[in-house]
């Protein structure tokens, strides 16, 4: 199984996704500051994977601390939580995991620093294990929506690489493939960082899933020709009304799917739902460095002097989403999420 995030030998180990698909390189982290930079720089990406990595970042912060009292250790943990939270503003799983780790530490007030460190490691591992279990449950729920001989289009990477393993949207595809229902996966390249071509296609090759890579702009023509039976994507944050933030370009695919009568599904763990936000209009959208858009890999494709607008995500209205698949089941509009 692809393991993008794991704990080994007192270190956090990340499969550096910036190197894929050319090289598979694992990097070891002993400092929370380096984990924060790995999240910011997309060495690890995908909302669930970011949350897992951040949880282990808190573990590393506690281990880095030279505190001899609970209060000193908790102060160092607070610094790390704030620093890790500042890395990616859109993925709610990041904040969910950090809040969970902080509450665990706070609940141990009066314990020895070593006891806190041990408990935090156990909690981070639990977050990882729970994500794996959620992904597999999501896959089973989602596979029931996939017809026989299905041709599925997916956007960005919501596979094992974006999670603790197995995947959300691509987890649905994996589960359906295991049942013999997948004829073909259309993998769009997902400009500008190419998570589709670099990562989803790589996972499909590794798993033996039949697929074809397409340019982002080809999705509409494929639907018009009747060559897409359903679309399934992941999500970085879901508002209380079902509006969903996902990789930039998702909204365009959803509009095309609606126009052509193609079901559009979102697969995400329940922790991705943010009940504090009434609608997608309140979801903060990360804007990234313009250099990502001026280049494809090492090749420059636009003048340095050209101004760039480079949002990492867009919001798809709940009215465009056929169903939201979680580990707790399939939710359909009008969306009413219950704990």
Foldseek 3Di string as FASTA:
>chain_A
DDAQWDDDDQWIKGQQLLCFDVDGDIDTDLALLVLLVSDLVPRAAALARLLLSLLVSLLSQLVVDPDFFLVSSLVSSVVSLVSSCPRAQFQLSNVVSSVVLSVLSVVCHPDTSVVNSVVSVVVSVVSLVVFVLFLLLLLVQLLVVQAAQAEEEEEADQAQRNHSHCGWQVVVVVSNVVVRRYNEYEFEQQPDQRRRPGPVVSVCVVSVNHYDYDHLVCLLVCLVVVNHQAYEYEFRAAEQQGKTKDFPSPQVNLVSCVVSVHAYEYTYAPSRYDDVHHHPVPRDWDWDDQQSVQARVPRGNDDPPDDDTGTGIDIHGLVSHQWYGTSVHIAGPSGHDDD
